[in-house]
């Protein structure tokens, strides 16, 4: 059977099978290791092992070679169903498998997969033969708590990736090398955009040039939201515990929150903006004529994250959401959800992002009745279907208060990032007894649509740094124009150009250092300036500038250059 690697389900099946091959190889070399779980992930797979000592780089090399050897044996992935008692006996020496088995319904048949002499507890599915796995690369080792709980034992996690051909692996490894060059933490330091400090783990310090990017995004964001009828609000960062109990966050999200006491009363630092927006809605009597009310906030939130998962701007403890909550009637749901999707599509196209859509349904840890969840889920499906958008359904992965649509963008290296989300909520309005006066002069409960477009502003900037490799489009770039005079006699003309660009609101710098012109040009290129202008005798005499475009030097009258910059920015708008 041919493997369609463009199909996500096929890729996951291939990588899940590869995780079994990894576990088999580890046990060949380390017989006392205890395999726990080994799922496919976005790119590749991992397997967690309980082992006496950490795996070394040399161990990884040996395991990788053993995997290649086992793959060539062409063993079949054989599925078999056994009873609960048989499973407990089969895995009696592995407490992790025993724990998983005991959580399964007692009446359920348990499936196992055998590959060579390796047997694993697994639902599958898998590919048919190991020989389909032609190219193997183990990537790294990290620590991981059993089931992600820091109270449990620390395990050793091996990450790997495999492909049906060596060419595909080579392409992937080349992409990894390019990703290292584009790493947002590395570029953030080199371009002086932001830093992370020991004094505030998981919190970004944005430097002046990073703030330029932030403010440019916000200017764009505010312009587009104003066009679409949003009003902007600001809510407190700290609110009383009683509010979070009523919103449901206390019961369903408490472990991710920070707390404090003020005047002997319990308060929480907000992890989300929605309860604050609800209080603004409740601050006065509302009529159906005011709906839909599109309330937006660029709001700072704090969420507890383990130190081991913090990652520059991509995983932080304090971040800013481009949040909005739409209060509407049930009849307005489809129209409003479609409006949000249209905005998301418009924004992502500005950054040349492709995306795919996923719909997540009711999780186990949720509140509300089956009827409400069915109504909310069918409303989101209807909006997607009416727009002809294809989507994947993620069963049980919605928010605790409602189903959601997630947008996964694809960057210039082909990696995907979940950013925008649209969540439909019938429950919080009920919990807070929200109402509006309808046409019948009676109170009715509104519906809430929670949504973000960028998601976390910090994370979106991190993605953009890597997407553009630090070379931002002109409208977004903190380094638009660098002016380099050839010698001191051209300082006055260079300063005149500098001031005129500055008065036209362009981000411009003038390099008057006692360095060679070549060194100054090299430094400006490393700082990824959009335009580097060297000013000499010819430019002074002709009142021109010389720019590089499509690897050619072009001389332009200065006013034409100004108009070129304005036109480039106008194209974005």
Protein backbone atom coordinates (compact mmCIF):
# COMPACT_ATOMS: atom_id res chain seq x y z
CA UNK A 1 0.00 0.00 0.00
CA UNK A 2 1.39 3.42 -0.99
CA UNK A 3 1.57 6.01 1.80
CA UNK A 4 0.08 9.42 1.00
CA UNK A 5 2.32 11.64 3.13
CA UNK A 6 0.27 14.73 2.28
CA UNK A 7 -2.63 13.18 4.19
CA UNK A 8 -2.43 14.01 7.91
CA UNK A 9 -4.02 10.75 9.02
CA UNK A 10 -1.59 8.75 6.88
CA UNK A 11 1.39 10.69 8.27
CA UNK A 12 0.21 10.13 11.84
CA UNK A 13 -0.22 6.40 11.19
CA UNK A 14 3.30 6.24 9.73
CA UNK A 15 4.85 8.13 12.66
CA UNK A 16 2.85 6.16 15.22
CA UNK A 17 4.27 2.99 13.70
CA UNK A 18 7.73 4.53 13.85
CA UNK A 19 7.27 5.18 17.58
CA UNK A 20 6.72 1.43 18.04
CA UNK A 21 9.89 0.76 16.05
CA UNK A 22 11.75 3.17 18.35
CA UNK A 23 10.50 1.41 21.48
CA UNK A 24 11.50 -1.96 20.02
CA UNK A 25 15.01 -0.65 19.28
CA UNK A 26 15.41 0.83 22.77
CA UNK A 27 14.48 -2.49 24.40
CA UNK A 28 17.02 -4.32 22.24
CA UNK A 29 19.79 -2.10 23.62
CA UNK A 30 18.35 -1.31 27.08
CA UNK A 31 16.25 -4.36 28.10
CA UNK A 32 15.44 -2.88 31.52
CA UNK A 33 13.83 0.26 30.10
CA UNK A 34 10.08 0.52 30.57
CA UNK A 35 8.18 1.96 27.58
CA UNK A 36 5.22 4.15 28.53
CA UNK A 37 3.50 6.03 25.64
CA UNK A 38 4.61 6.96 22.14
CA UNK A 39 2.22 9.09 20.05
CA UNK A 40 2.67 10.83 16.70
CA UNK A 41 2.99 14.62 16.95
CA UNK A 42 2.83 17.53 14.48
CA UNK A 43 6.23 16.63 13.07
CA UNK A 44 7.35 13.09 13.85
CA UNK A 45 6.81 11.21 17.08
CA UNK A 46 8.21 10.59 20.55
CA UNK A 47 8.31 7.76 23.04
CA UNK A 48 8.71 8.12 26.81
CA UNK A 49 10.81 5.61 28.77
CA UNK A 50 11.41 4.95 32.43
CA UNK A 51 15.15 4.22 32.52
CA UNK A 52 17.84 4.42 35.20
CA UNK A 53 20.03 6.98 33.45
CA UNK A 54 19.47 9.67 30.81
CA UNK A 55 20.02 8.74 27.18
CA UNK A 56 23.27 10.18 25.76
CA UNK A 57 23.93 11.40 22.18
CA UNK A 58 25.90 8.19 21.68
CA UNK A 59 22.88 6.18 22.84
CA UNK A 60 20.72 7.97 20.27
CA UNK A 61 23.12 7.00 17.48
CA UNK A 62 23.00 3.34 18.55
CA UNK A 63 19.19 3.38 18.83
CA UNK A 64 18.84 5.00 15.40
CA UNK A 65 21.06 2.33 13.81
CA UNK A 66 19.07 -0.41 15.54
CA UNK A 67 15.82 1.13 14.20
CA UNK A 68 17.22 1.02 10.65
CA UNK A 69 18.21 -2.59 11.16
CA UNK A 70 14.75 -3.54 12.47
CA UNK A 71 12.96 -1.64 9.70
CA UNK A 72 14.75 -3.70 7.04
CA UNK A 73 13.46 -6.94 8.60
CA UNK A 74 10.05 -6.15 7.10
CA UNK A 75 8.13 -7.26 10.19
CA UNK A 76 4.38 -6.90 10.09
CA UNK A 77 2.37 -4.71 12.48
CA UNK A 78 -0.08 -7.34 13.73
CA UNK A 79 -3.17 -6.36 15.70
CA UNK A 80 -4.77 -8.63 18.25
CA UNK A 81 -7.60 -8.21 20.78
CA UNK A 82 -7.17 -9.69 24.23
CA UNK A 83 -9.11 -9.65 27.49
CA UNK A 84 -8.40 -7.29 30.38
CA UNK A 85 -6.97 -10.17 32.41
CA UNK A 86 -4.66 -11.22 29.58
CA UNK A 87 -3.45 -7.64 29.18
CA UNK A 88 -2.72 -7.29 32.91
CA UNK A 89 -0.71 -10.50 32.79
CA UNK A 90 1.13 -9.54 29.59
CA UNK A 91 2.25 -6.15 30.94
CA UNK A 92 2.58 -7.09 34.63
CA UNK A 93 6.20 -5.86 34.78
CA UNK A 94 5.29 -2.40 33.42
CA UNK A 95 3.34 -0.27 35.95
CA UNK A 96 2.65 2.43 33.33
CA UNK A 97 0.86 0.04 31.00
CA UNK A 98 -1.00 -1.46 33.97
CA UNK A 99 -2.24 2.00 34.94
CA UNK A 100 -3.51 2.61 31.39
CA UNK A 101 -5.20 -0.81 31.23
CA UNK A 102 -7.03 -0.25 34.52
CA UNK A 103 -8.50 2.99 33.17
CA UNK A 104 -10.15 1.21 30.25
CA UNK A 105 -13.79 0.07 30.60
CA UNK A 106 -13.82 -3.41 32.17
CA UNK A 107 -16.04 -4.83 29.43
CA UNK A 108 -13.88 -3.49 26.60
CA UNK A 109 -11.61 -5.77 24.59
CA UNK A 110 -8.04 -4.49 24.64
CA UNK A 111 -6.01 -4.22 21.45
CA UNK A 112 -2.28 -4.85 21.23
CA UNK A 113 0.17 -4.63 18.33
CA UNK A 114 3.06 -7.03 17.74
CA UNK A 115 6.05 -6.03 15.60
CA UNK A 116 8.78 -8.67 15.54
CA UNK A 117 9.14 -9.61 19.20
CA UNK A 118 7.92 -6.20 20.49
CA UNK A 119 4.36 -6.01 21.82
CA UNK A 120 2.65 -2.77 22.81
CA UNK A 121 -0.69 -1.73 24.23
CA UNK A 122 -2.21 0.27 21.39
CA UNK A 123 -5.45 1.13 19.59
CA UNK A 124 -3.60 1.76 16.32
CA UNK A 125 -3.88 2.13 13.43
CA UNK A 126 -0.49 1.27 11.92
CA UNK A 127 1.13 0.76 8.54
CA UNK A 128 1.42 -2.83 7.38
CA UNK A 129 5.20 -3.49 7.31
CA UNK A 130 8.27 -1.91 8.94
CA UNK A 131 10.14 -1.81 5.61
CA UNK A 132 7.94 1.13 4.56
CA UNK A 133 10.04 3.20 6.99
CA UNK A 134 12.96 4.08 4.71
CA UNK A 135 14.56 7.11 6.40
CA UNK A 136 15.02 7.56 10.16
CA UNK A 137 16.41 10.38 12.27
CA UNK A 138 16.33 10.67 16.06
CA UNK A 139 16.32 14.34 16.96
CA UNK A 140 16.71 14.89 20.69
CA UNK A 141 16.10 13.69 24.23
CA UNK A 142 14.27 15.60 26.94
CA UNK A 143 12.76 14.96 30.34
CA UNK A 144 8.99 14.52 30.61
CA UNK A 145 6.80 13.82 33.62
CA UNK A 146 4.55 10.78 33.33
CA UNK A 147 1.24 12.08 31.96
CA UNK A 148 2.52 15.65 32.13
CA UNK A 149 2.09 15.84 35.92
CA UNK A 150 5.08 17.26 37.83
CA UNK A 151 4.07 15.12 40.82
CA UNK A 152 4.83 11.99 38.80
CA UNK A 153 8.18 10.43 37.92
CA UNK A 154 10.43 12.12 35.37
CA UNK A 155 10.80 9.98 32.23
CA UNK A 156 13.19 10.18 29.27
CA UNK A 157 11.52 11.28 26.02
CA UNK A 158 13.14 10.52 22.67
CA UNK A 159 11.93 12.56 19.69
CA UNK A 160 12.31 11.27 16.16
CA UNK A 161 11.09 11.65 12.61
CA UNK A 162 10.82 9.19 9.73
CA UNK A 163 9.88 9.26 6.06
CA UNK A 164 9.07 6.85 3.24
CA UNK A 165 12.16 8.09 1.32
CA UNK A 166 15.63 9.49 2.02
CA UNK A 167 14.95 12.56 -0.18
CA UNK A 168 12.05 13.53 2.09
CA UNK A 169 14.29 13.27 5.15
CA UNK A 170 16.99 15.37 3.47
CA UNK A 171 14.41 18.06 2.66
CA UNK A 172 13.21 18.01 6.24
CA UNK A 173 16.73 18.30 7.70
CA UNK A 174 17.46 21.22 5.37
CA UNK A 175 14.29 22.87 6.66
CA UNK A 176 15.45 22.29 10.24
CA UNK A 177 18.75 24.03 9.47
CA UNK A 178 16.87 26.96 7.96
CA UNK A 179 14.60 27.05 11.02
CA UNK A 180 17.69 27.32 13.28
CA UNK A 181 18.82 30.37 11.31
CA UNK A 182 15.34 31.88 11.70
CA UNK A 183 14.97 31.02 15.39
CA UNK A 184 13.09 33.96 16.87
CA UNK A 185 15.13 34.01 20.10
CA UNK A 186 18.38 34.17 18.10
CA UNK A 187 17.06 36.84 15.71
CA UNK A 188 15.37 38.72 18.54
CA UNK A 189 18.79 39.20 20.15
CA UNK A 190 20.65 39.94 16.89
CA UNK A 191 18.05 42.50 15.75
CA UNK A 192 17.60 43.91 19.28
CA UNK A 193 13.85 43.23 19.29
CA UNK A 194 13.29 41.64 22.72
CA UNK A 195 14.97 39.76 25.53
CA UNK A 196 14.03 37.24 28.20
CA UNK A 197 15.43 37.96 31.69
CA UNK A 198 16.06 35.64 34.66
CA UNK A 199 14.28 38.13 36.91
CA UNK A 200 10.95 37.45 35.12
CA UNK A 201 10.82 33.89 33.71
CA UNK A 202 8.29 33.49 30.93
CA UNK A 203 7.83 37.23 30.40
CA UNK A 204 9.21 39.12 27.38
CA UNK A 205 10.99 42.47 27.57
CA UNK A 206 10.33 44.30 24.31
CA UNK A 207 13.11 46.65 23.18
CA UNK A 208 12.41 49.79 21.10
CA UNK A 209 12.60 48.02 17.74
CA UNK A 210 10.37 45.22 19.00
CA UNK A 211 7.83 47.82 20.12
CA UNK A 212 7.85 49.21 16.56
CA UNK A 213 6.64 45.83 15.29
CA UNK A 214 4.09 45.59 18.13
CA UNK A 215 2.69 49.06 17.45
CA UNK A 216 2.55 48.47 13.68
CA UNK A 217 0.50 45.33 14.27
CA UNK A 218 -1.78 47.18 16.67
CA UNK A 219 -2.31 50.06 14.25
CA UNK A 220 -3.35 47.53 11.59
CA UNK A 221 -5.50 45.65 14.11
CA UNK A 222 -7.33 48.75 15.32
CA UNK A 223 -7.99 50.02 11.79
CA UNK A 224 -9.57 46.74 10.68
CA UNK A 225 -11.63 46.34 13.85
CA UNK A 226 -12.94 49.91 13.59
CA UNK A 227 -14.07 49.17 10.02
CA UNK A 228 -15.99 46.13 11.29
CA UNK A 229 -17.89 47.84 14.08
CA UNK A 230 -15.86 46.81 17.13
CA UNK A 231 -15.59 49.03 20.21
CA UNK A 232 -12.44 48.83 22.35
CA UNK A 233 -12.42 48.49 26.15
CA UNK A 234 -9.86 48.08 28.94
CA UNK A 235 -10.49 45.86 31.98
CA UNK A 236 -8.54 45.26 35.24
CA UNK A 237 -5.77 42.67 35.51
CA UNK A 238 -6.79 41.61 39.05
CA UNK A 239 -10.39 40.70 39.95
CA UNK A 240 -12.07 39.06 42.95
CA UNK A 241 -12.20 35.30 43.37
CA UNK A 242 -16.02 35.39 43.42
CA UNK A 243 -16.03 36.51 39.77
CA UNK A 244 -13.90 33.52 38.70
CA UNK A 245 -16.14 31.13 40.62
CA UNK A 246 -19.19 32.45 38.78
CA UNK A 247 -17.44 32.32 35.37
CA UNK A 248 -16.47 28.66 35.88
CA UNK A 249 -12.73 29.32 35.71
CA UNK A 250 -12.31 28.47 39.39
CA UNK A 251 -13.58 24.92 38.88
CA UNK A 252 -12.18 24.33 35.39
CA UNK A 253 -9.03 26.44 35.06
CA UNK A 254 -7.74 27.15 38.60
CA UNK A 255 -4.46 25.25 38.16
CA UNK A 256 -3.42 27.68 35.40
CA UNK A 257 -4.11 30.85 37.43
CA UNK A 258 -2.17 33.12 39.82
CA UNK A 259 -3.71 34.41 43.06
CA UNK A 260 -3.19 37.19 45.58
CA UNK A 261 -4.87 38.75 48.62
CA UNK A 262 -5.97 42.37 49.00
CA UNK A 263 -7.56 43.55 52.27
CA UNK A 264 -7.96 39.89 53.34
CA UNK A 265 -9.99 39.10 50.21
CA UNK A 266 -8.94 36.56 47.58
CA UNK A 267 -8.22 37.88 44.09
CA UNK A 268 -7.01 36.26 40.87
CA UNK A 269 -4.81 37.68 38.15
CA UNK A 270 -6.90 37.27 35.02
CA UNK A 271 -6.03 34.38 32.65
CA UNK A 272 -8.75 35.56 30.24
CA UNK A 273 -10.58 38.78 29.47
CA UNK A 274 -14.13 37.45 29.11
CA UNK A 275 -15.43 37.99 32.70
CA UNK A 276 -14.34 41.64 32.58
CA UNK A 277 -16.23 42.15 29.33
CA UNK A 278 -19.29 40.54 30.88
CA UNK A 279 -19.18 43.07 33.73
CA UNK A 280 -19.08 45.93 31.20
CA UNK A 281 -22.09 44.39 29.41
CA UNK A 282 -23.92 44.19 32.74
CA UNK A 283 -23.10 47.79 33.66
CA UNK A 284 -26.33 49.00 32.06
CA UNK A 285 -29.64 47.76 30.69
CA UNK A 286 -29.26 46.48 27.11
CA UNK A 287 -31.75 46.45 24.22
CA UNK A 288 -31.87 44.16 21.20
CA UNK A 289 -31.16 47.31 19.17
CA UNK A 290 -27.60 47.37 20.61
CA UNK A 291 -26.85 43.83 19.43
CA UNK A 292 -24.58 42.59 18.14
CA UNK A 293 -22.20 44.35 20.55
CA UNK A 294 -18.61 43.65 19.42
CA UNK A 295 -16.39 44.40 22.41
CA UNK A 296 -12.60 44.16 21.86
CA UNK A 297 -9.60 44.45 24.17
CA UNK A 298 -5.86 44.17 23.68
CA UNK A 299 -5.68 42.67 27.15
CA UNK A 300 -2.77 41.38 29.24
CA UNK A 301 -3.33 37.97 30.85
CA UNK A 302 -1.24 35.62 33.00
CA UNK A 303 -1.29 31.83 32.91
CA UNK A 304 0.83 29.43 34.90
CA UNK A 305 3.18 27.42 32.68
CA UNK A 306 5.83 24.97 33.87
CA UNK A 307 9.36 26.33 33.45
CA UNK A 308 10.31 23.39 31.24
CA UNK A 309 7.86 24.38 28.47
CA UNK A 310 8.70 28.11 28.31
CA UNK A 311 10.05 29.02 24.86
CA UNK A 312 10.90 32.64 24.07
CA UNK A 313 7.81 34.44 22.78
CA UNK A 314 6.11 31.21 21.75
CA UNK A 315 5.31 29.94 25.27
CA UNK A 316 5.13 32.55 28.02
CA UNK A 317 3.42 33.18 31.33
CA UNK A 318 2.35 36.77 30.64
CA UNK A 319 0.96 37.65 27.25
CA UNK A 320 -1.42 40.00 25.49
CA UNK A 321 -4.49 38.75 23.65
CA UNK A 322 -6.21 40.60 20.81
CA UNK A 323 -9.39 39.50 22.43
CA UNK A 324 -13.01 40.27 21.58
CA UNK A 325 -16.41 39.13 22.78
CA UNK A 326 -19.47 39.51 20.63
CA UNK A 327 -22.79 39.64 22.46
CA UNK A 328 -25.59 38.74 20.07
CA UNK A 329 -28.96 37.05 19.68
CA UNK A 330 -29.26 33.41 18.61
CA UNK A 331 -30.49 34.59 15.21
CA UNK A 332 -27.27 36.57 14.72
CA UNK A 333 -24.84 33.74 15.51
CA UNK A 334 -24.19 32.56 11.95
CA UNK A 335 -23.78 36.09 10.59
CA UNK A 336 -21.35 37.05 13.38
CA UNK A 337 -19.27 33.87 13.17
CA UNK A 338 -18.96 34.37 9.41
CA UNK A 339 -17.91 37.97 10.02
CA UNK A 340 -15.14 36.83 12.37
CA UNK A 341 -13.96 34.20 9.86
CA UNK A 342 -13.88 36.86 7.14
CA UNK A 343 -11.71 39.09 9.36
CA UNK A 344 -9.32 36.22 10.17
CA UNK A 345 -9.02 35.34 6.50
CA UNK A 346 -8.33 38.99 5.60
CA UNK A 347 -5.64 39.37 8.26
CA UNK A 348 -3.80 36.13 7.46
CA UNK A 349 -3.68 36.93 3.75
CA UNK A 350 -1.82 40.17 4.62
CA UNK A 351 1.02 38.02 5.96
CA UNK A 352 0.80 35.43 3.15
CA UNK A 353 -0.31 32.73 5.57
CA UNK A 354 -2.23 29.70 4.33
CA UNK A 355 -4.29 27.98 7.00
CA UNK A 356 -6.49 25.02 7.77
CA UNK A 357 -9.48 24.88 10.11
CA UNK A 358 -10.39 22.51 12.95
CA UNK A 359 -13.64 22.31 14.94
CA UNK A 360 -13.31 21.10 18.55
CA UNK A 361 -16.29 19.65 20.41
CA UNK A 362 -17.33 19.17 24.04
CA UNK A 363 -14.53 18.07 26.42
CA UNK A 364 -14.99 15.86 29.48
CA UNK A 365 -14.22 18.79 31.79
CA UNK A 366 -17.11 21.01 30.72
CA UNK A 367 -20.21 22.70 32.05
CA UNK A 368 -23.72 22.89 30.64
CA UNK A 369 -26.34 20.52 29.21
CA UNK A 370 -26.14 18.25 26.16
CA UNK A 371 -28.82 20.36 24.50
CA UNK A 372 -26.82 23.59 24.80
CA UNK A 373 -23.64 21.93 23.52
CA UNK A 374 -25.47 20.43 20.56
CA UNK A 375 -26.98 23.81 19.67
CA UNK A 376 -23.60 25.57 19.93
CA UNK A 377 -21.70 22.93 17.92
CA UNK A 378 -24.30 22.80 15.15
CA UNK A 379 -24.23 26.63 14.91
CA UNK A 380 -20.46 26.62 14.27
CA UNK A 381 -20.79 23.80 11.74
CA UNK A 382 -23.51 25.70 9.92
CA UNK A 383 -21.34 28.82 9.60
CA UNK A 384 -18.39 26.81 8.27
CA UNK A 385 -20.54 24.81 5.87
CA UNK A 386 -22.25 27.92 4.50
CA UNK A 387 -18.82 29.39 3.67
CA UNK A 388 -17.72 26.13 2.03
CA UNK A 389 -14.76 25.79 4.43
CA UNK A 390 -13.31 22.31 4.89
CA UNK A 391 -12.56 21.44 8.50
CA UNK A 392 -11.39 18.62 10.71
CA UNK A 393 -13.40 17.69 13.82
CA UNK A 394 -11.47 17.25 17.09
CA UNK A 395 -13.77 15.33 19.38
CA UNK A 396 -13.61 16.42 23.03
CA UNK A 397 -11.10 19.26 22.59
CA UNK A 398 -13.37 22.31 22.97
CA UNK A 399 -13.19 24.92 25.75
CA UNK A 400 -14.96 24.03 29.01
CA UNK A 401 -17.72 26.54 28.21
CA UNK A 402 -18.25 25.89 24.50
CA UNK A 403 -17.10 24.40 21.16
CA UNK A 404 -14.52 26.27 19.09
CA UNK A 405 -13.09 26.76 15.63
CA UNK A 406 -9.28 26.92 15.49
CA UNK A 407 -7.22 28.31 12.63
CA UNK A 408 -3.79 26.76 12.01
CA UNK A 409 -1.54 28.98 9.89
CA UNK A 410 1.32 27.62 7.76
CA UNK A 411 4.53 29.67 7.68
CA UNK A 412 7.20 30.04 4.97
CA UNK A 413 8.93 26.84 6.18
CA UNK A 414 5.70 24.84 6.01
CA UNK A 415 5.27 24.64 9.81
CA UNK A 416 1.80 25.09 11.30
CA UNK A 417 0.82 27.26 14.28
CA UNK A 418 -2.58 27.46 15.96
CA UNK A 419 -3.46 31.15 16.33
CA UNK A 420 -6.99 32.42 15.76
CA UNK A 421 -9.94 30.84 17.50
CA UNK A 422 -13.72 31.37 17.54
CA UNK A 423 -15.62 29.98 20.54
CA UNK A 424 -19.38 29.92 20.97
CA UNK A 425 -20.68 30.26 24.52
CA UNK A 426 -24.28 29.90 25.73
CA UNK A 427 -23.21 29.24 29.33
CA UNK A 428 -21.43 32.28 30.75
CA UNK A 429 -24.34 34.57 29.84
CA UNK A 430 -26.57 32.21 31.85
CA UNK A 431 -24.13 32.04 34.80
CA UNK A 432 -23.96 35.85 34.94
CA UNK A 433 -27.69 36.30 34.26
CA UNK A 434 -27.06 38.52 31.25
CA UNK A 435 -30.09 39.75 29.37
CA UNK A 436 -31.29 42.19 26.77
CA UNK A 437 -34.79 43.54 26.23
CA UNK A 438 -36.21 42.06 23.03
CA UNK A 439 -38.77 43.37 20.56
CA UNK A 440 -41.44 41.79 22.75
CA UNK A 441 -40.29 44.03 25.65
CA UNK A 442 -39.21 40.92 27.61
CA UNK A 443 -35.72 39.91 28.83
CA UNK A 444 -33.77 37.38 26.74
CA UNK A 445 -30.33 35.80 27.28
CA UNK A 446 -27.67 36.81 24.74
CA UNK A 447 -25.05 34.49 23.26
CA UNK A 448 -21.31 35.20 23.60
CA UNK A 449 -18.76 34.63 20.85
CA UNK A 450 -15.19 34.60 22.18
CA UNK A 451 -12.54 35.22 19.51
CA UNK A 452 -8.92 36.16 18.89
CA UNK A 453 -7.21 36.79 15.55
CA UNK A 454 -3.49 37.06 16.35
CA UNK A 455 -4.03 35.09 19.56
CA UNK A 456 -1.12 36.05 21.78
CA UNK A 457 0.57 39.17 20.34
CA UNK A 458 3.91 37.99 21.75
CA UNK A 459 3.56 34.58 20.13
CA UNK A 460 2.38 36.04 16.82
CA UNK A 461 5.45 38.30 16.71
CA UNK A 462 7.65 35.26 17.39
CA UNK A 463 5.98 33.44 14.49
CA UNK A 464 6.42 36.47 12.22
CA UNK A 465 10.13 36.75 13.07
CA UNK A 466 10.63 33.15 11.94
CA UNK A 467 8.20 33.42 9.00
CA UNK A 468 10.09 36.40 7.55
CA UNK A 469 13.51 35.35 8.85
CA UNK A 470 13.72 38.79 10.48
CA UNK A 471 13.40 40.59 7.13
CA UNK A 472 10.02 42.22 7.61
CA UNK A 473 7.89 43.86 4.93
CA UNK A 474 8.35 47.64 4.88
CA UNK A 475 5.15 48.52 6.80
CA UNK A 476 6.13 46.24 9.69
CA UNK A 477 9.90 46.68 9.67
CA UNK A 478 11.68 48.54 12.49
CA UNK A 479 14.64 48.96 10.09
CA UNK A 480 13.24 50.60 6.97
CA UNK A 481 16.08 52.80 5.65
CA UNK A 482 19.78 53.06 6.51
CA UNK A 483 21.74 56.06 5.16
CA UNK A 484 25.52 55.65 4.77
CA UNK A 485 27.55 58.71 3.68
CA UNK A 486 30.74 57.77 1.78
CA UNK A 487 32.75 60.42 3.67
CA UNK A 488 32.33 63.46 5.91
CA UNK A 489 31.79 65.85 3.00
CA UNK A 490 28.45 64.14 2.36
CA UNK A 491 27.20 64.35 5.97
CA UNK A 492 25.05 67.47 5.37
CA UNK A 493 23.18 65.97 2.39
CA UNK A 494 22.80 62.68 4.27
CA UNK A 495 21.39 64.53 7.28
CA UNK A 496 18.97 66.41 5.00
CA UNK A 497 17.72 63.10 3.57
CA UNK A 498 17.48 61.68 7.08
CA UNK A 499 15.32 64.56 8.33
CA UNK A 500 13.01 64.48 5.31
CA UNK A 501 12.44 60.73 5.69
CA UNK A 502 11.83 61.19 9.39
CA UNK A 503 9.31 63.98 8.75
CA UNK A 504 7.45 61.57 6.44
CA UNK A 505 7.24 59.07 9.35
CA UNK A 506 9.72 56.54 7.95
CA UNK A 507 11.97 54.60 10.30
CA UNK A 508 15.41 55.74 9.26
CA UNK A 509 18.94 55.62 10.68
CA UNK A 510 22.11 57.52 9.73
CA UNK A 511 25.44 55.70 10.17
CA UNK A 512 28.19 58.23 10.97
CA UNK A 513 30.59 55.75 12.59
CA UNK A 514 34.29 55.83 11.74
CA UNK A 515 34.06 52.52 9.88
CA UNK A 516 34.60 51.59 6.24
CA UNK A 517 31.60 51.86 3.93
CA UNK A 518 31.82 48.09 3.31
CA UNK A 519 31.63 47.40 7.06
CA UNK A 520 28.65 49.74 7.45
CA UNK A 521 26.81 48.10 4.54
CA UNK A 522 27.51 44.65 5.95
CA UNK A 523 26.17 45.67 9.38
CA UNK A 524 23.04 47.18 7.81
CA UNK A 525 22.47 43.97 5.85
CA UNK A 526 22.83 41.93 9.04
CA UNK A 527 20.25 44.21 10.64
CA UNK A 528 18.01 43.42 7.65
CA UNK A 529 17.24 47.01 6.60
CA UNK A 530 14.76 47.17 3.74
CA UNK A 531 16.78 49.87 1.97
CA UNK A 532 20.46 50.80 2.34
CA UNK A 533 21.42 54.13 0.74
CA UNK A 534 25.07 55.06 0.20
CA UNK A 535 25.48 58.83 -0.37
CA UNK A 536 28.42 60.05 -2.46
CA UNK A 537 29.39 62.74 -4.95
CA UNK A 538 26.99 61.61 -7.68
CA UNK A 539 24.00 61.55 -5.30
CA UNK A 540 24.89 64.98 -3.88
CA UNK A 541 25.26 66.60 -7.31
CA UNK A 542 22.06 65.07 -8.74
CA UNK A 543 20.02 65.24 -5.51
CA UNK A 544 19.32 61.53 -5.87
CA UNK A 545 19.64 58.31 -3.88
CA UNK A 546 20.95 54.96 -5.09
CA UNK A 547 19.10 51.84 -3.92
CA UNK A 548 19.55 48.14 -4.57
CA UNK A 549 16.53 46.45 -6.16
CA UNK A 550 16.45 42.94 -7.68
CA UNK A 551 20.26 42.81 -7.25
CA UNK A 552 20.70 45.97 -9.35
CA UNK A 553 21.72 49.46 -8.29
CA UNK A 554 19.08 52.02 -9.28
CA UNK A 555 19.46 55.78 -8.98
CA UNK A 556 16.28 57.71 -8.15
CA UNK A 557 15.45 61.36 -7.52
CA UNK A 558 14.92 61.65 -3.77
CA UNK A 559 11.25 62.62 -4.13
CA UNK A 560 10.68 59.51 -6.28
CA UNK A 561 12.22 57.42 -3.52
CA UNK A 562 9.83 58.94 -0.97
CA UNK A 563 6.89 58.14 -3.26
CA UNK A 564 8.19 54.59 -3.76
CA UNK A 565 8.24 54.01 0.01
CA UNK A 566 4.75 55.48 0.41
CA UNK A 567 3.45 53.34 -2.45
CA UNK A 568 4.95 50.17 -0.94
CA UNK A 569 3.20 50.83 2.36
CA UNK A 570 -0.04 51.83 0.63
CA UNK A 571 -0.06 48.48 -1.20
CA UNK A 572 -0.33 46.78 2.18
CA UNK A 573 -3.27 48.94 3.24
